C-alpha cells in the first residue's frame, strides 16, 4: 500500500508546473492549438464572425498564459518566504 502512494505522488508531480520554462512550453502548446482552432474558425465561418472567433482563441491563450506565469511567480515567492521563515531562529 505504501508503494502505491509513492507511485501516485510521482505521477502527480508530472502534472505540476515547477519552472517558468515548463510554463512557456505549455503556453506554446496552448497557442499552437488555439491558432489551429482559429484557422478552422475562419474557414467554417467566413467573414467577420470567423475572425472574431480567431481573436477570441488568441485572447484566451494570452489570458491563460498570464495566469500560469503569475501562479508560478506566486508559488516561487511563497516557497522563498517559507524557506526564510524556516531559517529564522526561534526563541
N, C-alpha and C. Protein backbone atom coordinates (compact mmCIF):
# COMPACT_ATOMS: atom_id res chain seq x y z
N UNK A 1 0.83 -1.20 0.00
CA UNK A 1 0.00 0.00 0.00
C UNK A 1 0.86 1.25 0.00
N UNK A 2 1.97 1.20 0.74
CA UNK A 2 2.88 2.34 0.82
C UNK A 2 3.48 2.66 -0.54
N UNK A 3 3.85 1.64 -1.29
CA UNK A 3 4.45 1.88 -2.61
C UNK A 3 3.44 2.47 -3.58
N UNK A 4 2.17 2.11 -3.43
CA UNK A 4 1.14 2.68 -4.29
C UNK A 4 1.05 4.19 -4.10
N UNK A 5 1.17 4.63 -2.86
CA UNK A 5 1.10 6.07 -2.58
C UNK A 5 2.30 6.80 -3.15
N UNK A 6 3.48 6.19 -3.05
CA UNK A 6 4.67 6.84 -3.59
C UNK A 6 4.62 6.92 -5.11
N UNK A 7 4.07 5.89 -5.74
CA UNK A 7 3.93 5.91 -7.20
C UNK A 7 2.94 6.99 -7.60
N UNK A 8 1.85 7.11 -6.87
CA UNK A 8 0.86 8.15 -7.18
C UNK A 8 1.44 9.53 -6.99
N UNK A 9 2.29 9.70 -5.97
CA UNK A 9 2.95 11.00 -5.76
C UNK A 9 3.85 11.35 -6.94
N UNK A 10 4.59 10.36 -7.44
CA UNK A 10 5.47 10.59 -8.57
C UNK A 10 4.69 10.94 -9.83
N UNK A 11 3.59 10.26 -10.05
CA UNK A 11 2.76 10.56 -11.22
C UNK A 11 2.14 11.94 -11.08
N UNK A 12 1.71 12.27 -9.88
CA UNK A 12 1.11 13.59 -9.63
C UNK A 12 2.11 14.72 -9.92
N UNK A 13 3.38 14.51 -9.60
CA UNK A 13 4.40 15.54 -9.83
C UNK A 13 4.60 15.83 -11.31
N UNK A 14 4.26 14.88 -12.18
CA UNK A 14 4.39 15.10 -13.62
C UNK A 14 3.46 16.20 -14.11
N UNK A 15 2.36 16.42 -13.39
CA UNK A 15 1.36 17.38 -13.82
C UNK A 15 1.47 18.71 -13.10
N UNK A 16 2.57 18.95 -12.42
CA UNK A 16 2.79 20.21 -11.71
C UNK A 16 3.82 21.03 -12.48
N UNK A 17 3.47 22.27 -12.77
CA UNK A 17 4.39 23.17 -13.47
C UNK A 17 5.31 23.78 -12.41
N UNK A 18 6.60 23.51 -12.52
CA UNK A 18 7.54 23.96 -11.49
C UNK A 18 8.36 25.17 -11.91
N UNK A 19 8.66 25.31 -13.18
CA UNK A 19 9.54 26.39 -13.63
C UNK A 19 8.86 27.22 -14.71
N UNK A 20 9.43 28.40 -14.94
CA UNK A 20 8.90 29.27 -16.00
C UNK A 20 9.12 28.64 -17.36
N UNK A 21 10.19 27.88 -17.54
CA UNK A 21 10.44 27.22 -18.82
C UNK A 21 9.33 26.22 -19.13
N UNK A 22 8.92 25.43 -18.13
CA UNK A 22 7.81 24.50 -18.33
C UNK A 22 6.53 25.26 -18.65
N UNK A 23 6.34 26.40 -18.00
CA UNK A 23 5.14 27.21 -18.26
C UNK A 23 5.15 27.70 -19.71
N UNK A 24 6.31 28.16 -20.19
CA UNK A 24 6.39 28.63 -21.56
C UNK A 24 6.12 27.51 -22.57
N UNK A 25 6.58 26.30 -22.26
CA UNK A 25 6.30 25.17 -23.14
C UNK A 25 4.81 24.87 -23.21
N UNK A 26 4.15 24.93 -22.07
CA UNK A 26 2.71 24.68 -22.04
C UNK A 26 1.95 25.79 -22.76
N UNK A 27 2.37 27.02 -22.55
CA UNK A 27 1.71 28.15 -23.24
C UNK A 27 1.90 28.03 -24.74
N UNK A 28 3.09 27.61 -25.17
CA UNK A 28 3.34 27.41 -26.60
C UNK A 28 2.39 26.35 -27.17
N UNK A 29 2.23 25.24 -26.45
CA UNK A 29 1.33 24.19 -26.91
C UNK A 29 -0.11 24.69 -26.97
N UNK A 30 -0.52 25.45 -25.97
CA UNK A 30 -1.87 26.03 -25.99
C UNK A 30 -2.05 26.98 -27.17
N UNK A 31 -1.03 27.79 -27.44
CA UNK A 31 -1.10 28.75 -28.54
C UNK A 31 -1.17 28.03 -29.88
N UNK A 32 -0.40 26.97 -30.02
CA UNK A 32 -0.42 26.21 -31.26
C UNK A 32 -1.81 25.63 -31.53
N UNK A 33 -2.40 25.06 -30.50
CA UNK A 33 -3.76 24.53 -30.64
C UNK A 33 -4.79 25.61 -30.91
N UNK A 34 -4.63 26.74 -30.25
CA UNK A 34 -5.58 27.83 -30.44
C UNK A 34 -5.49 28.42 -31.85
N UNK A 35 -4.29 28.52 -32.38
CA UNK A 35 -4.14 29.05 -33.73
C UNK A 35 -4.73 28.09 -34.76
N UNK A 36 -4.56 26.80 -34.53
CA UNK A 36 -5.16 25.81 -35.42
C UNK A 36 -6.68 25.91 -35.37
N UNK A 37 -7.21 26.00 -34.15
CA UNK A 37 -8.66 26.14 -34.00
C UNK A 37 -9.14 27.44 -34.63
N UNK A 38 -8.40 28.53 -34.46
CA UNK A 38 -8.78 29.80 -35.06
C UNK A 38 -8.77 29.74 -36.57
N UNK A 39 -7.80 29.04 -37.16
CA UNK A 39 -7.77 28.89 -38.61
C UNK A 39 -8.99 28.12 -39.09
N UNK A 40 -9.40 27.11 -38.35
CA UNK A 40 -10.61 26.36 -38.71
C UNK A 40 -11.84 27.25 -38.62
N UNK A 41 -11.86 28.11 -37.61
CA UNK A 41 -12.99 29.02 -37.48
C UNK A 41 -13.11 29.95 -38.69
N UNK A 42 -11.98 30.45 -39.19
CA UNK A 42 -12.05 31.35 -40.35
C UNK A 42 -12.54 30.63 -41.58
N UNK A 43 -12.28 29.33 -41.68
CA UNK A 43 -12.79 28.57 -42.82
C UNK A 43 -14.25 28.21 -42.64
N UNK A 44 -14.62 27.87 -41.43
CA UNK A 44 -16.00 27.45 -41.15
C UNK A 44 -16.97 28.63 -41.16
N UNK A 45 -16.52 29.76 -40.65
CA UNK A 45 -17.35 30.96 -40.57
C UNK A 45 -16.64 32.10 -41.30
N UNK A 46 -16.78 32.16 -42.62
CA UNK A 46 -16.08 33.20 -43.37
C UNK A 46 -16.59 34.59 -42.99
N UNK A 47 -15.69 35.54 -43.07
CA UNK A 47 -16.06 36.92 -42.77
C UNK A 47 -15.67 37.32 -41.36
N UNK A 48 -16.38 38.34 -40.88
CA UNK A 48 -16.04 38.94 -39.60
C UNK A 48 -16.22 37.96 -38.44
N UNK A 49 -17.25 37.14 -38.49
CA UNK A 49 -17.51 36.19 -37.40
C UNK A 49 -16.35 35.24 -37.17
N UNK A 50 -15.80 34.71 -38.25
CA UNK A 50 -14.66 33.80 -38.13
C UNK A 50 -13.44 34.49 -37.54
N UNK A 51 -13.22 35.73 -37.96
CA UNK A 51 -12.06 36.47 -37.43
C UNK A 51 -12.25 36.85 -35.97
N UNK A 52 -13.49 37.10 -35.57
CA UNK A 52 -13.75 37.38 -34.16
C UNK A 52 -13.50 36.14 -33.30
N UNK A 53 -13.91 34.98 -33.81
CA UNK A 53 -13.65 33.74 -33.09
C UNK A 53 -12.15 33.45 -33.04
N UNK A 54 -11.44 33.75 -34.13
CA UNK A 54 -9.98 33.60 -34.16
C UNK A 54 -9.35 34.48 -33.09
N UNK A 55 -9.82 35.72 -32.99
CA UNK A 55 -9.29 36.64 -31.97
C UNK A 55 -9.61 36.15 -30.56
N UNK A 56 -10.77 35.54 -30.39
CA UNK A 56 -11.15 35.02 -29.08
C UNK A 56 -10.22 33.88 -28.65
N UNK A 57 -9.87 33.00 -29.60
CA UNK A 57 -8.95 31.91 -29.25
C UNK A 57 -7.58 32.46 -28.89
N UNK A 58 -7.15 33.49 -29.61
CA UNK A 58 -5.86 34.11 -29.30
C UNK A 58 -5.89 34.78 -27.92
N UNK A 59 -6.96 35.49 -27.66
CA UNK A 59 -7.09 36.17 -26.37
C UNK A 59 -7.13 35.19 -25.21
N UNK A 60 -7.76 34.05 -25.42
CA UNK A 60 -7.82 33.04 -24.35
C UNK A 60 -6.43 32.55 -23.99
N UNK A 61 -5.56 32.40 -24.98
CA UNK A 61 -4.19 31.96 -24.70
C UNK A 61 -3.44 33.05 -23.94
N UNK A 62 -3.62 34.30 -24.33
CA UNK A 62 -2.95 35.40 -23.61
C UNK A 62 -3.38 35.43 -22.15
N UNK A 63 -4.68 35.31 -21.91
CA UNK A 63 -5.17 35.35 -20.53
C UNK A 63 -4.72 34.13 -19.73
N UNK A 64 -4.82 32.96 -20.34
CA UNK A 64 -4.38 31.74 -19.65
C UNK A 64 -2.89 31.75 -19.38
N UNK A 65 -2.11 32.19 -20.36
CA UNK A 65 -0.66 32.24 -20.19
C UNK A 65 -0.25 33.20 -19.09
N UNK A 66 -0.91 34.35 -19.04
CA UNK A 66 -0.60 35.31 -17.98
C UNK A 66 -0.92 34.74 -16.61
N UNK A 67 -2.03 34.03 -16.52
CA UNK A 67 -2.43 33.42 -15.24
C UNK A 67 -1.44 32.34 -14.82
N UNK A 68 -0.98 31.54 -15.77
CA UNK A 68 0.00 30.49 -15.47
C UNK A 68 1.30 31.12 -14.96
N UNK A 69 1.77 32.15 -15.64
CA UNK A 69 3.03 32.79 -15.23
C UNK A 69 2.89 33.48 -13.88
N UNK A 70 1.75 34.09 -13.62
CA UNK A 70 1.52 34.71 -12.31
C UNK A 70 1.50 33.66 -11.21
N UNK A 71 0.88 32.52 -11.49
CA UNK A 71 0.81 31.46 -10.49
C UNK A 71 2.20 30.90 -10.19
N UNK A 72 3.03 30.76 -11.21
CA UNK A 72 4.39 30.27 -11.00
C UNK A 72 5.16 31.26 -10.12
N UNK A 73 5.04 32.54 -10.42
CA UNK A 73 5.73 33.57 -9.63
C UNK A 73 5.25 33.54 -8.18
N UNK A 74 3.95 33.43 -7.99
CA UNK A 74 3.39 33.40 -6.64
C UNK A 74 3.90 32.19 -5.87
N UNK A 75 3.92 31.02 -6.49
CA UNK A 75 4.38 29.81 -5.81
C UNK A 75 5.86 29.90 -5.46
N UNK A 76 6.67 30.45 -6.36
CA UNK A 76 8.10 30.59 -6.07
C UNK A 76 8.33 31.56 -4.92
N UNK A 77 7.60 32.66 -4.88
CA UNK A 77 7.73 33.61 -3.77
C UNK A 77 7.27 32.99 -2.46
N UNK A 78 6.22 32.19 -2.50
CA UNK A 78 5.73 31.54 -1.29
C UNK A 78 6.78 30.55 -0.77
N UNK A 79 7.42 29.81 -1.67
CA UNK A 79 8.48 28.88 -1.25
C UNK A 79 9.65 29.64 -0.62
N UNK A 80 10.02 30.80 -1.20
CA UNK A 80 11.11 31.59 -0.64
C UNK A 80 10.75 32.10 0.76
N UNK A 81 9.52 32.58 0.92
CA UNK A 81 9.09 33.06 2.24
C UNK A 81 9.10 31.92 3.26
N UNK A 82 8.65 30.74 2.83
CA UNK A 82 8.63 29.60 3.73
C UNK A 82 10.04 29.19 4.12
N UNK A 83 10.94 29.19 3.15
CA UNK A 83 12.34 28.84 3.45
C UNK A 83 12.97 29.86 4.38
N UNK A 84 12.65 31.15 4.16
CA UNK A 84 13.20 32.20 5.02
C UNK A 84 12.65 32.09 6.43
N UNK A 85 11.39 31.75 6.57
CA UNK A 85 10.82 31.63 7.92
C UNK A 85 11.35 30.39 8.62
N UNK A 86 11.70 29.35 7.89
CA UNK A 86 12.28 28.15 8.49
C UNK A 86 13.69 28.41 8.99
N UNK A 87 14.41 29.35 8.38
CA UNK A 87 15.79 29.62 8.74
C UNK A 87 15.92 30.61 9.89
N UNK A 88 14.88 31.36 10.19
CA UNK A 88 14.96 32.34 11.28
C UNK A 88 15.01 31.60 12.62
N UNK A 89 15.86 32.07 13.50
CA UNK A 89 15.96 31.40 14.82
C UNK A 89 14.67 31.61 15.63
N UNK A 90 14.24 30.55 16.25
CA UNK A 90 13.02 30.62 17.06
C UNK A 90 13.42 30.74 18.53
N UNK A 91 12.77 31.65 19.20
CA UNK A 91 13.10 31.88 20.61
C UNK A 91 11.99 31.41 21.51
